[in-house]
Amino acid sequence: MFEAENLRDWIGESVLDQDGDKVGTLESVYFDTATDTPAFATVQAGLIDRKLLFVPLNDAVVGPKWLKVKYGKKLIKDAPSIPTDGELEAAAEPAVFEHYKLPYQTGSGGERRLGRR
């Protein structure tokens, strides 16, 4: 996993799937609001539909000019998405976690789990 303070340096770099194939470009990072750690990235994929796909950052690895995630391209391409000028709605958070079979739990006060930076 990469350090949170280096995230801005990776915006615009390539995101690779588990096989090293390019999925798209890193657009933003969503942090876990309970732990303040990077949890998901949005990846801009495709030239026609121009949507942002969500991909978990657990076990992500960085290299020169790329970020490699541990998920396959098809799973990522089928992930929940938002428009390039959109924001993840609180009601849509569970679907992002469920898509990757990750546990989802709101904060103790019912607050959002993910925050964009």
C-alpha atoms as a PDB file:
ATOM      1  CA  MET A   1       0.000   0.000   0.000  1.00  0.00           C
ATOM      2  CA  PHE A   2       1.217   3.478  -0.705  1.00  0.00           C
ATOM      3  CA  GLU A   3       1.360   6.301   1.792  1.00  0.00           C
ATOM      4  CA  ALA A   4      -1.569   8.693   1.993  1.00  0.00           C
ATOM      5  CA  GLU A   5       0.635  11.776   1.679  1.00  0.00           C
ATOM      6  CA  ASN A   6       1.820  10.606  -1.756  1.00  0.00           C
ATOM      7  CA  LEU A   7      -1.652  10.260  -3.258  1.00  0.00           C
ATOM      8  CA  ARG A   8      -1.644  13.540  -5.150  1.00  0.00           C
ATOM      9  CA  ASP A   9       1.483  12.393  -6.965  1.00  0.00           C
ATOM     10  CA  TRP A  10      -0.418   9.432  -8.445  1.00  0.00           C
ATOM     11  CA  ILE A  11      -3.475  11.269  -9.810  1.00  0.00           C
ATOM     12  CA  GLY A  12      -3.430  10.910 -13.591  1.00  0.00           C
ATOM     13  CA  GLU A  13      -1.201   7.819 -13.577  1.00  0.00           C
ATOM     14  CA  SER A  14      -2.158   4.437 -15.048  1.00  0.00           C
ATOM     15  CA  VAL A  15      -4.098   1.905 -13.009  1.00  0.00           C
ATOM     16  CA  LEU A  16      -3.255  -1.708 -13.842  1.00  0.00           C
ATOM     17  CA  ASP A  17      -5.257  -4.826 -13.059  1.00  0.00           C
ATOM     18  CA  GLN A  18      -3.847  -7.934 -11.355  1.00  0.00           C
ATOM     19  CA  ASP A  19      -2.363  -9.105 -14.676  1.00  0.00           C
ATOM     20  CA  GLY A  20      -0.648  -5.788 -15.411  1.00  0.00           C
ATOM     21  CA  ASP A  21      -3.171  -4.688 -18.057  1.00  0.00           C
ATOM     22  CA  LYS A  22      -4.148  -1.021 -18.040  1.00  0.00           C
ATOM     23  CA  VAL A  23      -7.676  -0.405 -16.775  1.00  0.00           C
ATOM     24  CA  GLY A  24      -7.646   3.388 -16.873  1.00  0.00           C
ATOM     25  CA  THR A  25      -6.273   6.464 -15.132  1.00  0.00           C
ATOM     26  CA  LEU A  26      -6.350   7.277 -11.407  1.00  0.00           C
ATOM     27  CA  GLU A  27      -8.799  10.132 -10.894  1.00  0.00           C
ATOM     28  CA  SER A  28      -9.371  10.351  -7.132  1.00  0.00           C
ATOM     29  CA  VAL A  29      -9.097   8.477  -3.861  1.00  0.00           C
ATOM     30  CA  TYR A  30     -11.796   7.734  -1.301  1.00  0.00           C
ATOM     31  CA  PHE A  31     -10.650   7.301   2.292  1.00  0.00           C
ATOM     32  CA  ASP A  32     -12.155   5.106   4.982  1.00  0.00           C
ATOM     33  CA  THR A  33     -13.591   7.721   7.346  1.00  0.00           C
ATOM     34  CA  ALA A  34     -13.049   5.499  10.397  1.00  0.00           C
ATOM     35  CA  THR A  35      -9.346   4.811   9.810  1.00  0.00           C
ATOM     36  CA  ASP A  36      -8.365   7.725   7.540  1.00  0.00           C
ATOM     37  CA  THR A  37      -6.642   5.290   5.175  1.00  0.00           C
ATOM     38  CA  PRO A  38      -7.014   5.064   1.389  1.00  0.00           C
ATOM     39  CA  ALA A  39      -9.810   2.563   0.683  1.00  0.00           C
ATOM     40  CA  PHE A  40     -10.969   2.977  -2.929  1.00  0.00           C
ATOM     41  CA  ALA A  41      -9.791   4.750  -6.046  1.00  0.00           C
ATOM     42  CA  THR A  42     -11.869   6.017  -8.900  1.00  0.00           C
ATOM     43  CA  VAL A  43     -10.481   5.074 -12.273  1.00  0.00           C
ATOM     44  CA  GLN A  44     -11.371   6.943 -15.433  1.00  0.00           C
ATOM     45  CA  ALA A  45     -11.885   4.269 -18.041  1.00  0.00           C
ATOM     46  CA  GLY A  46     -12.955   4.497 -21.645  1.00  0.00           C
ATOM     47  CA  LEU A  47     -13.045   7.382 -24.061  1.00  0.00           C
ATOM     48  CA  ILE A  48     -16.708   7.141 -24.980  1.00  0.00           C
ATOM     49  CA  ASP A  49     -18.687   6.695 -21.764  1.00  0.00           C
ATOM     50  CA  ARG A  50     -16.223   8.662 -19.581  1.00  0.00           C
ATOM     51  CA  LYS A  51     -17.269   7.210 -16.249  1.00  0.00           C
ATOM     52  CA  LEU A  52     -15.368   6.710 -13.019  1.00  0.00           C
ATOM     53  CA  LEU A  53     -15.145   3.139 -11.756  1.00  0.00           C
ATOM     54  CA  PHE A  54     -14.486   2.217  -8.134  1.00  0.00           C
ATOM     55  CA  VAL A  55     -11.673  -0.188  -7.254  1.00  0.00           C
ATOM     56  CA  PRO A  56     -10.389  -1.140  -3.779  1.00  0.00           C
ATOM     57  CA  LEU A  57      -6.859  -0.144  -2.837  1.00  0.00           C
ATOM     58  CA  ASN A  58      -6.199  -3.012  -0.428  1.00  0.00           C
ATOM     59  CA  ASP A  59      -2.879  -4.634  -1.388  1.00  0.00           C
ATOM     60  CA  ALA A  60      -2.286  -2.088  -4.176  1.00  0.00           C
ATOM     61  CA  VAL A  61       1.305  -1.787  -5.378  1.00  0.00           C
ATOM     62  CA  VAL A  62       2.954   1.237  -6.975  1.00  0.00           C
ATOM     63  CA  GLY A  63       5.617   1.296  -9.644  1.00  0.00           C
ATOM     64  CA  PRO A  64       7.060   3.954 -11.891  1.00  0.00           C
ATOM     65  CA  LYS A  65       4.036   5.803 -13.302  1.00  0.00           C
ATOM     66  CA  TRP A  66       1.475   3.104 -12.373  1.00  0.00           C
ATOM     67  CA  LEU A  67      -0.665   1.707  -9.595  1.00  0.00           C
ATOM     68  CA  LYS A  68      -1.466  -2.019  -9.684  1.00  0.00           C
ATOM     69  CA  VAL A  69      -4.569  -3.353  -7.921  1.00  0.00           C
ATOM     70  CA  LYS A  70      -5.329  -6.967  -7.040  1.00  0.00           C
ATOM     71  CA  TYR A  71      -8.516  -7.245  -9.095  1.00  0.00           C
ATOM     72  CA  GLY A  72      -9.163  -8.345 -12.681  1.00  0.00           C
ATOM     73  CA  LYS A  73     -10.094  -5.990 -15.487  1.00  0.00           C
ATOM     74  CA  LYS A  74     -13.577  -7.470 -16.035  1.00  0.00           C
ATOM     75  CA  LEU A  75     -14.499  -7.153 -12.355  1.00  0.00           C
ATOM     76  CA  ILE A  76     -13.279  -3.548 -12.338  1.00  0.00           C
ATOM     77  CA  LYS A  77     -15.091  -2.666 -15.580  1.00  0.00           C
ATOM     78  CA  ASP A  78     -18.337  -4.071 -14.109  1.00  0.00           C
ATOM     79  CA  ALA A  79     -17.923  -2.095 -10.861  1.00  0.00           C
ATOM     80  CA  PRO A  80     -20.312   0.621  -9.689  1.00  0.00           C
ATOM     81  CA  SER A  81     -19.486   3.929 -11.327  1.00  0.00           C
ATOM     82  CA  ILE A  82     -20.271   7.626 -11.234  1.00  0.00           C
ATOM     83  CA  PRO A  83     -20.124  10.298 -13.961  1.00  0.00           C
ATOM     84  CA  THR A  84     -16.776  12.098 -14.249  1.00  0.00           C
ATOM     85  CA  ASP A  85     -18.296  15.151 -12.561  1.00  0.00           C
ATOM     86  CA  GLY A  86     -20.233  13.084 -10.016  1.00  0.00           C
ATOM     87  CA  GLU A  87     -19.840  12.166  -6.379  1.00  0.00           C
ATOM     88  CA  LEU A  88     -20.559   8.846  -4.689  1.00  0.00           C
ATOM     89  CA  GLU A  89     -23.947   9.062  -2.970  1.00  0.00           C
ATOM     90  CA  ALA A  90     -24.143   7.709   0.584  1.00  0.00           C
ATOM     91  CA  ALA A  91     -26.863   5.262  -0.455  1.00  0.00           C
ATOM     92  CA  ALA A  92     -24.563   3.801  -3.143  1.00  0.00           C
ATOM     93  CA  GLU A  93     -21.657   3.033  -0.794  1.00  0.00           C
ATOM     94  CA  PRO A  94     -22.795  -0.494   0.140  1.00  0.00           C
ATOM     95  CA  ALA A  95     -22.961  -1.530  -3.535  1.00  0.00           C
ATOM     96  CA  VAL A  96     -19.313  -0.571  -4.053  1.00  0.00           C
ATOM     97  CA  PHE A  97     -18.211  -2.833  -1.202  1.00  0.00           C
ATOM     98  CA  GLU A  98     -20.594  -5.642  -2.185  1.00  0.00           C
ATOM     99  CA  HIS A  99     -19.322  -5.690  -5.776  1.00  0.00           C
ATOM    100  CA  TYR A 100     -15.876  -6.712  -4.504  1.00  0.00           C
ATOM    101  CA  LYS A 101     -17.314  -8.934  -1.738  1.00  0.00           C
ATOM    102  CA  LEU A 102     -15.891  -6.661   0.964  1.00  0.00           C
ATOM    103  CA  PRO A 103     -17.659  -6.123   4.293  1.00  0.00           C
ATOM    104  CA  TYR A 104     -19.543  -2.850   4.654  1.00  0.00           C
ATOM    105  CA  GLN A 105     -20.428  -1.096   7.876  1.00  0.00           C
ATOM    106  CA  THR A 106     -21.335   2.522   8.486  1.00  0.00           C
ATOM    107  CA  GLY A 107     -19.735   4.470  11.292  1.00  0.00           C
ATOM    108  CA  SER A 108     -21.103   4.114  14.819  1.00  0.00           C
ATOM    109  CA  GLY A 109     -23.271   7.192  14.295  1.00  0.00           C
ATOM    110  CA  GLY A 110     -24.483   6.017  10.891  1.00  0.00           C
ATOM    111  CA  GLU A 111     -22.076   8.303   9.048  1.00  0.00           C
ATOM    112  CA  ARG A 112     -20.589   7.563   5.655  1.00  0.00           C
ATOM    113  CA  ARG A 113     -17.798   5.048   5.343  1.00  0.00           C
ATOM    114  CA  LEU A 114     -16.014   6.714   2.404  1.00  0.00           C
ATOM    115  CA  GLY A 115     -14.831  10.283   1.946  1.00  0.00           C
ATOM    116  CA  ARG A 116     -13.252  11.693  -1.220  1.00  0.00           C
ATOM    117  CA  ARG A 117     -10.001  13.638  -1.228  1.00  0.00           C
END
